[in-house]
Amino acid sequence: MNKGELIDQIAANANVTKKDADAVLSATLEVILDTVAAGEKVTLVGFGTFEARDRQAREGRNPSTGKPIQIPATRVPAFSAGKVFKEKVVEKA
């Protein structure tokens, strides 16, 4: 499902126009992005948690040469699925 299809589903389920659904989805995603970028968590109970996680510096290998290289520490976005989300996915499997 892409963003357009998601907007169609939201509009149908919430009985709102596609324009309104797009505005709400875009605003929601923007708030989540800004909050996580600021280093805070966004928790939607039952759905999951969006957060930034710090990865430690580590040693890796250059795939072309096989020589060791140092991979610097970095911050990455992460999502942890909530209980209801996990149960729904398992139920459909």
PDB file of N, CA and C in Angstrom:
ATOM      1  N   MET A   1       0.852  -1.177   0.000  1.00  0.00           N
ATOM      2  CA  MET A   1       0.000   0.000   0.000  1.00  0.00           C
ATOM      3  C   MET A   1       0.894   1.236   0.000  1.00  0.00           C
ATOM      4  N   ASN A   2       0.592   2.175  -0.879  1.00  0.00           N
ATOM      5  CA  ASN A   2       1.350   3.425  -0.904  1.00  0.00           C
ATOM      6  C   ASN A   2       0.556   4.524  -0.188  1.00  0.00           C
ATOM      7  N   LYS A   3       1.127   5.724  -0.136  1.00  0.00           N
ATOM      8  CA  LYS A   3       0.496   6.814   0.601  1.00  0.00           C
ATOM      9  C   LYS A   3      -0.882   7.161   0.040  1.00  0.00           C
ATOM     10  N   GLY A   4      -1.022   7.169  -1.280  1.00  0.00           N
ATOM     11  CA  GLY A   4      -2.313   7.480  -1.896  1.00  0.00           C
ATOM     12  C   GLY A   4      -3.386   6.474  -1.518  1.00  0.00           C
ATOM     13  N   GLU A   5      -3.027   5.201  -1.526  1.00  0.00           N
ATOM     14  CA  GLU A   5      -3.977   4.150  -1.141  1.00  0.00           C
ATOM     15  C   GLU A   5      -4.321   4.251   0.342  1.00  0.00           C
ATOM     16  N   LEU A   6      -3.341   4.608   1.160  1.00  0.00           N
ATOM     17  CA  LEU A   6      -3.591   4.790   2.591  1.00  0.00           C
ATOM     18  C   LEU A   6      -4.562   5.942   2.814  1.00  0.00           C
ATOM     19  N   ILE A   7      -4.374   7.030   2.092  1.00  0.00           N
ATOM     20  CA  ILE A   7      -5.278   8.180   2.201  1.00  0.00           C
ATOM     21  C   ILE A   7      -6.691   7.780   1.789  1.00  0.00           C
ATOM     22  N   ASP A   8      -6.824   7.001   0.721  1.00  0.00           N
ATOM     23  CA  ASP A   8      -8.142   6.523   0.288  1.00  0.00           C
ATOM     24  C   ASP A   8      -8.816   5.715   1.396  1.00  0.00           C
ATOM     25  N   GLN A   9      -8.068   4.826   2.039  1.00  0.00           N
ATOM     26  CA  GLN A   9      -8.620   3.992   3.118  1.00  0.00           C
ATOM     27  C   GLN A   9      -9.016   4.833   4.329  1.00  0.00           C
ATOM     28  N   ILE A  10      -8.169   5.789   4.695  1.00  0.00           N
ATOM     29  CA  ILE A  10      -8.482   6.663   5.831  1.00  0.00           C
ATOM     30  C   ILE A  10      -9.749   7.458   5.542  1.00  0.00           C
ATOM     31  N   ALA A  11      -9.854   8.015   4.338  1.00  0.00           N
ATOM     32  CA  ALA A  11     -11.033   8.802   3.960  1.00  0.00           C
ATOM     33  C   ALA A  11     -12.298   7.954   4.032  1.00  0.00           C
ATOM     34  N   ALA A  12     -12.218   6.719   3.538  1.00  0.00           N
ATOM     35  CA  ALA A  12     -13.385   5.836   3.550  1.00  0.00           C
ATOM     36  C   ALA A  12     -13.763   5.425   4.975  1.00  0.00           C
ATOM     37  N   ASN A  13     -12.774   5.047   5.786  1.00  0.00           N
ATOM     38  CA  ASN A  13     -13.055   4.572   7.149  1.00  0.00           C
ATOM     39  C   ASN A  13     -13.514   5.689   8.083  1.00  0.00           C
ATOM     40  N   ALA A  14     -12.991   6.903   7.900  1.00  0.00           N
ATOM     41  CA  ALA A  14     -13.331   8.017   8.781  1.00  0.00           C
ATOM     42  C   ALA A  14     -14.449   8.886   8.214  1.00  0.00           C
ATOM     43  N   ASN A  15     -14.924   8.539   7.012  1.00  0.00           N
ATOM     44  CA  ASN A  15     -15.994   9.291   6.363  1.00  0.00           C
ATOM     45  C   ASN A  15     -15.637  10.777   6.228  1.00  0.00           C
ATOM     46  N   VAL A  16     -14.417  11.029   5.724  1.00  0.00           N
ATOM     47  CA  VAL A  16     -13.956  12.392   5.461  1.00  0.00           C
ATOM     48  C   VAL A  16     -13.475  12.458   4.014  1.00  0.00           C
ATOM     49  N   THR A  17     -13.232  13.667   3.540  1.00  0.00           N
ATOM     50  CA  THR A  17     -12.743  13.803   2.166  1.00  0.00           C
ATOM     51  C   THR A  17     -11.288  13.342   2.084  1.00  0.00           C
ATOM     52  N   LYS A  18     -10.863  13.010   0.872  1.00  0.00           N
ATOM     53  CA  LYS A  18      -9.468  12.607   0.668  1.00  0.00           C
ATOM     54  C   LYS A  18      -8.527  13.757   1.016  1.00  0.00           C
ATOM     55  N   LYS A  19      -8.954  14.982   0.730  1.00  0.00           N
ATOM     56  CA  LYS A  19      -8.132  16.155   1.039  1.00  0.00           C
ATOM     57  C   LYS A  19      -7.913  16.270   2.548  1.00  0.00           C
ATOM     58  N   ASP A  20      -8.993  16.079   3.315  1.00  0.00           N
ATOM     59  CA  ASP A  20      -8.879  16.141   4.776  1.00  0.00           C
ATOM     60  C   ASP A  20      -8.020  14.994   5.304  1.00  0.00           C
ATOM     61  N   ALA A  21      -8.212  13.800   4.751  1.00  0.00           N
ATOM     62  CA  ALA A  21      -7.422  12.639   5.176  1.00  0.00           C
ATOM     63  C   ALA A  21      -5.944  12.870   4.887  1.00  0.00           C
ATOM     64  N   ASP A  22      -5.639  13.439   3.723  1.00  0.00           N
ATOM     65  CA  ASP A  22      -4.249  13.737   3.361  1.00  0.00           C
ATOM     66  C   ASP A  22      -3.653  14.750   4.329  1.00  0.00           C
ATOM     67  N   ALA A  23      -4.419  15.785   4.663  1.00  0.00           N
ATOM     68  CA  ALA A  23      -3.931  16.818   5.577  1.00  0.00           C
ATOM     69  C   ALA A  23      -3.632  16.235   6.957  1.00  0.00           C
ATOM     70  N   VAL A  24      -4.524  15.386   7.448  1.00  0.00           N
ATOM     71  CA  VAL A  24      -4.336  14.783   8.772  1.00  0.00           C
ATOM     72  C   VAL A  24      -3.143  13.832   8.765  1.00  0.00           C
ATOM     73  N   LEU A  25      -3.046  12.994   7.741  1.00  0.00           N
ATOM     74  CA  LEU A  25      -1.920  12.058   7.655  1.00  0.00           C
ATOM     75  C   LEU A  25      -0.597  12.812   7.546  1.00  0.00           C
ATOM     76  N   SER A  26      -0.544  13.819   6.704  1.00  0.00           N
ATOM     77  CA  SER A  26       0.688  14.599   6.533  1.00  0.00           C
ATOM     78  C   SER A  26       1.090  15.293   7.829  1.00  0.00           C
ATOM     79  N   ALA A  27       0.117  15.867   8.532  1.00  0.00           N
ATOM     80  CA  ALA A  27       0.405  16.537   9.801  1.00  0.00           C
ATOM     81  C   ALA A  27       0.893  15.534  10.845  1.00  0.00           C
ATOM     82  N   THR A  28       0.271  14.362  10.886  1.00  0.00           N
ATOM     83  CA  THR A  28       0.670  13.318  11.834  1.00  0.00           C
ATOM     84  C   THR A  28       2.105  12.874  11.579  1.00  0.00           C
ATOM     85  N   LEU A  29       2.418  12.602  10.323  1.00  0.00           N
ATOM     86  CA  LEU A  29       3.774  12.164   9.981  1.00  0.00           C
ATOM     87  C   LEU A  29       4.802  13.251  10.287  1.00  0.00           C
ATOM     88  N   GLU A  30       4.454  14.502  10.026  1.00  0.00           N
ATOM     89  CA  GLU A  30       5.372  15.609  10.297  1.00  0.00           C
ATOM     90  C   GLU A  30       5.663  15.725  11.791  1.00  0.00           C
ATOM     91  N   VAL A  31       4.626  15.590  12.615  1.00  0.00           N
ATOM     92  CA  VAL A  31       4.815  15.663  14.064  1.00  0.00           C
ATOM     93  C   VAL A  31       5.685  14.504  14.545  1.00  0.00           C
ATOM     94  N   ILE A  32       5.435  13.296  14.037  1.00  0.00           N
ATOM     95  CA  ILE A  32       6.250  12.138  14.419  1.00  0.00           C
ATOM     96  C   ILE A  32       7.703  12.365  14.014  1.00  0.00           C
ATOM     97  N   LEU A  33       7.940  12.808  12.780  1.00  0.00           N
ATOM     98  CA  LEU A  33       9.306  13.065  12.307  1.00  0.00           C
ATOM     99  C   LEU A  33      10.015  14.113  13.161  1.00  0.00           C
ATOM    100  N   ASP A  34       9.351  15.225  13.422  1.00  0.00           N
ATOM    101  CA  ASP A  34       9.965  16.300  14.199  1.00  0.00           C
ATOM    102  C   ASP A  34      10.264  15.859  15.630  1.00  0.00           C
ATOM    103  N   THR A  35       9.350  15.110  16.225  1.00  0.00           N
ATOM    104  CA  THR A  35       9.523  14.656  17.602  1.00  0.00           C
ATOM    105  C   THR A  35      10.676  13.670  17.717  1.00  0.00           C
ATOM    106  N   VAL A  36      10.730  12.694  16.818  1.00  0.00           N
ATOM    107  CA  VAL A  36      11.811  11.700  16.842  1.00  0.00           C
ATOM    108  C   VAL A  36      13.150  12.369  16.528  1.00  0.00           C
ATOM    109  N   ALA A  37      13.158  13.307  15.589  1.00  0.00           N
ATOM    110  CA  ALA A  37      14.392  14.022  15.247  1.00  0.00           C
ATOM    111  C   ALA A  37      14.916  14.822  16.440  1.00  0.00           C
ATOM    112  N   ALA A  38      14.012  15.253  17.321  1.00  0.00           N
ATOM    113  CA  ALA A  38      14.399  16.000  18.519  1.00  0.00           C
ATOM    114  C   ALA A  38      14.868  15.073  19.638  1.00  0.00           C
ATOM    115  N   GLY A  39      14.844  13.764  19.390  1.00  0.00           N
ATOM    116  CA  GLY A  39      15.333  12.806  20.379  1.00  0.00           C
ATOM    117  C   GLY A  39      14.272  12.276  21.322  1.00  0.00           C
ATOM    118  N   GLU A  40      13.014  12.549  21.043  1.00  0.00           N
ATOM    119  CA  GLU A  40      11.931  12.070  21.901  1.00  0.00           C
ATOM    120  C   GLU A  40      11.229  10.880  21.263  1.00  0.00           C
ATOM    121  N   LYS A  41      10.492  10.130  22.093  1.00  0.00           N
ATOM    122  CA  LYS A  41       9.720   8.981  21.616  1.00  0.00           C
ATOM    123  C   LYS A  41       8.294   9.410  21.303  1.00  0.00           C
ATOM    124  N   VAL A  42       7.685   8.709  20.352  1.00  0.00           N
ATOM    125  CA  VAL A  42       6.255   8.862  20.084  1.00  0.00           C
ATOM    126  C   VAL A  42       5.647   7.478  20.262  1.00  0.00           C
ATOM    127  N   THR A  43       4.778   7.334  21.266  1.00  0.00           N
ATOM    128  CA  THR A  43       4.162   6.043  21.549  1.00  0.00           C
ATOM    129  C   THR A  43       2.676   6.112  21.243  1.00  0.00           C
ATOM    130  N   LEU A  44       2.226   5.221  20.377  1.00  0.00           N
ATOM    131  CA  LEU A  44       0.807   5.071  20.071  1.00  0.00           C
ATOM    132  C   LEU A  44       0.414   3.725  20.670  1.00  0.00           C
ATOM    133  N   VAL A  45      -0.272   3.761  21.806  1.00  0.00           N
ATOM    134  CA  VAL A  45      -0.576   2.546  22.557  1.00  0.00           C
ATOM    135  C   VAL A  45      -1.274   1.532  21.663  1.00  0.00           C
ATOM    136  N   GLY A  46      -0.755   0.318  21.667  1.00  0.00           N
ATOM    137  CA  GLY A  46      -1.308  -0.757  20.859  1.00  0.00           C
ATOM    138  C   GLY A  46      -0.708  -0.821  19.464  1.00  0.00           C
ATOM    139  N   PHE A  47      -0.266   0.322  18.940  1.00  0.00           N
ATOM    140  CA  PHE A  47       0.308   0.357  17.593  1.00  0.00           C
ATOM    141  C   PHE A  47       1.816   0.193  17.641  1.00  0.00           C
ATOM    142  N   GLY A  48       2.480   1.075  18.384  1.00  0.00           N
ATOM    143  CA  GLY A  48       3.926   0.956  18.496  1.00  0.00           C
ATOM    144  C   GLY A  48       4.590   2.254  18.912  1.00  0.00           C
ATOM    145  N   THR A  49       5.925   2.217  18.922  1.00  0.00           N
ATOM    146  CA  THR A  49       6.723   3.351  19.358  1.00  0.00           C
ATOM    147  C   THR A  49       7.749   3.714  18.294  1.00  0.00           C
ATOM    148  N   PHE A  50       7.792   4.998  17.977  1.00  0.00           N
ATOM    149  CA  PHE A  50       8.799   5.544  17.073  1.00  0.00           C
ATOM    150  C   PHE A  50       9.843   6.228  17.947  1.00  0.00           C
ATOM    151  N   GLU A  51      11.133   5.989  17.666  1.00  0.00           N
ATOM    152  CA  GLU A  51      12.178   6.626  18.450  1.00  0.00           C
ATOM    153  C   GLU A  51      13.479   6.671  17.663  1.00  0.00           C
ATOM    154  N   ALA A  52      14.410   7.472  18.154  1.00  0.00           N
ATOM    155  CA  ALA A  52      15.759   7.505  17.585  1.00  0.00           C
ATOM    156  C   ALA A  52      16.642   6.660  18.495  1.00  0.00           C
ATOM    157  N   ARG A  53      17.452   5.808  17.896  1.00  0.00           N
ATOM    158  CA  ARG A  53      18.370   4.973  18.672  1.00  0.00           C
ATOM    159  C   ARG A  53      19.800   5.292  18.262  1.00  0.00           C
ATOM    160  N   ASP A  54      20.679   5.276  19.247  1.00  0.00           N
ATOM    161  CA  ASP A  54      22.095   5.524  18.984  1.00  0.00           C
ATOM    162  C   ASP A  54      22.792   4.205  18.712  1.00  0.00           C
ATOM    163  N   ARG A  55      23.525   4.157  17.617  1.00  0.00           N
ATOM    164  CA  ARG A  55      24.357   2.992  17.295  1.00  0.00           C
ATOM    165  C   ARG A  55      25.789   3.329  17.665  1.00  0.00           C
ATOM    166  N   GLN A  56      26.438   2.415  18.341  1.00  0.00           N
ATOM    167  CA  GLN A  56      27.824   2.633  18.737  1.00  0.00           C
ATOM    168  C   GLN A  56      28.748   2.492  17.535  1.00  0.00           C
ATOM    169  N   ALA A  57      29.910   3.122  17.658  1.00  0.00           N
ATOM    170  CA  ALA A  57      30.937   2.946  16.630  1.00  0.00           C
ATOM    171  C   ALA A  57      31.375   1.481  16.671  1.00  0.00           C
ATOM    172  N   ARG A  58      31.714   0.951  15.517  1.00  0.00           N
ATOM    173  CA  ARG A  58      32.120  -0.452  15.474  1.00  0.00           C
ATOM    174  C   ARG A  58      33.062  -0.672  14.303  1.00  0.00           C
ATOM    175  N   GLU A  59      33.681  -1.829  14.316  1.00  0.00           N
ATOM    176  CA  GLU A  59      34.574  -2.173  13.220  1.00  0.00           C
ATOM    177  C   GLU A  59      33.815  -3.031  12.221  1.00  0.00           C
ATOM    178  N   GLY A  60      33.990  -2.725  10.948  1.00  0.00           N
ATOM    179  CA  GLY A  60      33.374  -3.508   9.881  1.00  0.00           C
ATOM    180  C   GLY A  60      34.432  -3.895   8.870  1.00  0.00           C
ATOM    181  N   ARG A  61      33.989  -4.431   7.766  1.00  0.00           N
ATOM    182  CA  ARG A  61      34.921  -4.819   6.699  1.00  0.00           C
ATOM    183  C   ARG A  61      34.453  -4.221   5.385  1.00  0.00           C
ATOM    184  N   ASN A  62      35.407  -3.725   4.613  1.00  0.00           N
ATOM    185  CA  ASN A  62      35.121  -3.236   3.278  1.00  0.00           C
ATOM    186  C   ASN A  62      34.798  -4.459   2.419  1.00  0.00           C
ATOM    187  N   PRO A  63      33.592  -4.539   1.844  1.00  0.00           N
ATOM    188  CA  PRO A  63      33.222  -5.735   1.081  1.00  0.00           C
ATOM    189  C   PRO A  63      34.086  -5.962  -0.162  1.00  0.00           C
ATOM    190  N   SER A  64      34.647  -4.897  -0.705  1.00  0.00           N
ATOM    191  CA  SER A  64      35.478  -5.046  -1.906  1.00  0.00           C
ATOM    192  C   SER A  64      36.865  -5.587  -1.591  1.00  0.00           C
ATOM    193  N   THR A  65      37.459  -5.048  -0.518  1.00  0.00           N
ATOM    194  CA  THR A  65      38.849  -5.407  -0.218  1.00  0.00           C
ATOM    195  C   THR A  65      38.990  -6.365   0.953  1.00  0.00           C
ATOM    196  N   GLY A  66      37.971  -6.431   1.800  1.00  0.00           N
ATOM    197  CA  GLY A  66      38.053  -7.275   2.989  1.00  0.00           C
ATOM    198  C   GLY A  66      38.826  -6.625   4.122  1.00  0.00           C
ATOM    199  N   LYS A  67      39.327  -5.403   3.907  1.00  0.00           N
ATOM    200  CA  LYS A  67      40.096  -4.713   4.943  1.00  0.00           C
ATOM    201  C   LYS A  67      39.159  -4.165   6.018  1.00  0.00           C
ATOM    202  N   PRO A  68      39.622  -4.175   7.269  1.00  0.00           N
ATOM    203  CA  PRO A  68      38.800  -3.614   8.352  1.00  0.00           C
ATOM    204  C   PRO A  68      38.639  -2.101   8.192  1.00  0.00           C
ATOM    205  N   ILE A  69      37.454  -1.616   8.513  1.00  0.00           N
ATOM    206  CA  ILE A  69      37.196  -0.174   8.503  1.00  0.00           C
ATOM    207  C   ILE A  69      36.460   0.182   9.784  1.00  0.00           C
ATOM    208  N   GLN A  70      36.573   1.427  10.193  1.00  0.00           N
ATOM    209  CA  GLN A  70      35.877   1.894  11.385  1.00  0.00           C
ATOM    210  C   GLN A  70      34.553   2.526  10.949  1.00  0.00           C
ATOM    211  N   ILE A  71      33.455   2.017  11.479  1.00  0.00           N
ATOM    212  CA  ILE A  71      32.130   2.568  11.190  1.00  0.00           C
ATOM    213  C   ILE A  71      31.790   3.511  12.342  1.00  0.00           C
ATOM    214  N   PRO A  72      31.529   4.791  12.067  1.00  0.00           N
ATOM    215  CA  PRO A  72      31.302   5.756  13.147  1.00  0.00           C
ATOM    216  C   PRO A  72      29.956   5.551  13.839  1.00  0.00           C
ATOM    217  N   ALA A  73      29.867   6.078  15.056  1.00  0.00           N
ATOM    218  CA  ALA A  73      28.606   6.065  15.791  1.00  0.00           C
ATOM    219  C   ALA A  73      27.599   6.912  15.025  1.00  0.00           C
ATOM    220  N   THR A  74      26.338   6.530  15.102  1.00  0.00           N
ATOM    221  CA  THR A  74      25.299   7.274  14.393  1.00  0.00           C
ATOM    222  C   THR A  74      23.970   7.117  15.119  1.00  0.00           C
ATOM    223  N   ARG A  75      23.027   7.950  14.768  1.00  0.00           N
ATOM    224  CA  ARG A  75      21.669   7.869  15.314  1.00  0.00           C
ATOM    225  C   ARG A  75      20.753   7.425  14.185  1.00  0.00           C
ATOM    226  N   VAL A  76      19.906   6.427  14.452  1.00  0.00           N
ATOM    227  CA  VAL A  76      19.020   5.888  13.424  1.00  0.00           C
ATOM    228  C   VAL A  76      17.574   5.895  13.916  1.00  0.00           C
ATOM    229  N   PRO A  77      16.614   6.053  13.007  1.00  0.00           N
ATOM    230  CA  PRO A  77      15.208   5.953  13.401  1.00  0.00           C
ATOM    231  C   PRO A  77      14.842   4.492  13.625  1.00  0.00           C
ATOM    232  N   ALA A  78      13.915   4.255  14.566  1.00  0.00           N
ATOM    233  CA  ALA A  78      13.504   2.886  14.859  1.00  0.00           C
ATOM    234  C   ALA A  78      12.017   2.856  15.185  1.00  0.00           C
ATOM    235  N   PHE A  79      11.399   1.718  14.913  1.00  0.00           N
ATOM    236  CA  PHE A  79       9.992   1.498  15.245  1.00  0.00           C
ATOM    237  C   PHE A  79       9.878   0.160  15.944  1.00  0.00           C
ATOM    238  N   SER A  80       9.189   0.143  17.078  1.00  0.00           N
ATOM    239  CA  SER A  80       8.904  -1.101  17.784  1.00  0.00           C
ATOM    240  C   SER A  80       7.397  -1.303  17.759  1.00  0.00           C
ATOM    241  N   ALA A  81       6.959  -2.413  17.200  1.00  0.00           N
ATOM    242  CA  ALA A  81       5.526  -2.690  17.109  1.00  0.00           C
ATOM    243  C   ALA A  81       4.950  -2.959  18.492  1.00  0.00           C
ATOM    244  N   GLY A  82       3.731  -2.479  18.711  1.00  0.00           N
ATOM    245  CA  GLY A  82       3.040  -2.704  19.970  1.00  0.00           C
ATOM    246  C   GLY A  82       2.357  -4.061  19.993  1.00  0.00           C
ATOM    247  N   LYS A  83       1.827  -4.412  21.147  1.00  0.00           N
ATOM    248  CA  LYS A  83       1.223  -5.724  21.358  1.00  0.00           C
ATOM    249  C   LYS A  83       0.058  -5.986  20.401  1.00  0.00           C
ATOM    250  N   VAL A  84      -0.857  -5.040  20.271  1.00  0.00           N
ATOM    251  CA  VAL A  84      -2.026  -5.224  19.407  1.00  0.00           C
ATOM    252  C   VAL A  84      -1.587  -5.391  17.954  1.00  0.00           C
ATOM    253  N   PHE A  85      -0.609  -4.596  17.520  1.00  0.00           N
ATOM    254  CA  PHE A  85      -0.080  -4.680  16.157  1.00  0.00           C
ATOM    255  C   PHE A  85       0.496  -6.075  15.917  1.00  0.00           C
ATOM    256  N   LYS A  86       1.334  -6.536  16.833  1.00  0.00           N
ATOM    257  CA  LYS A  86       1.958  -7.858  16.696  1.00  0.00           C
ATOM    258  C   LYS A  86       0.907  -8.962  16.644  1.00  0.00           C
ATOM    259  N   GLU A  87      -0.076  -8.876  17.532  1.00  0.00           N
ATOM    260  CA  GLU A  87      -1.128  -9.903  17.566  1.00  0.00           C
ATOM    261  C   GLU A  87      -1.918  -9.927  16.263  1.00  0.00           C
ATOM    262  N   LYS A  88      -2.205  -8.768  15.709  1.00  0.00           N
ATOM    263  CA  LYS A  88      -2.967  -8.677  14.460  1.00  0.00           C
ATOM    264  C   LYS A  88      -2.190  -9.303  13.304  1.00  0.00           C
ATOM    265  N   VAL A  89      -0.884  -9.076  13.259  1.00  0.00           N
ATOM    266  CA  VAL A  89      -0.048  -9.642  12.198  1.00  0.00           C
ATOM    267  C   VAL A  89       0.019 -11.161  12.329  1.00  0.00           C
ATOM    268  N   VAL A  90       0.193 -11.659  13.545  1.00  0.00           N
ATOM    269  CA  VAL A  90       0.263 -13.107  13.771  1.00  0.00           C
ATOM    270  C   VAL A  90      -1.073 -13.754  13.419  1.00  0.00           C
ATOM    271  N   GLU A  91      -2.161 -13.088  13.764  1.00  0.00           N
ATOM    272  CA  GLU A  91      -3.511 -13.588  13.493  1.00  0.00           C
ATOM    273  C   GLU A  91      -3.746 -13.774  11.996  1.00  0.00           C
ATOM    274  N   LYS A  92      -3.190 -12.875  11.168  1.00  0.00           N
ATOM    275  CA  LYS A  92      -3.395 -12.922   9.720  1.00  0.00           C
ATOM    276  C   LYS A  92      -2.456 -13.902   9.020  1.00  0.00           C
ATOM    277  N   ALA A  93      -1.445 -14.387   9.739  1.00  0.00           N
ATOM    278  CA  ALA A  93      -0.454 -15.284   9.114  1.00  0.00           C
ATOM    279  C   ALA A  93      -0.993 -16.679   8.891  1.00  0.00           C
TER     280      ALA A  93
END
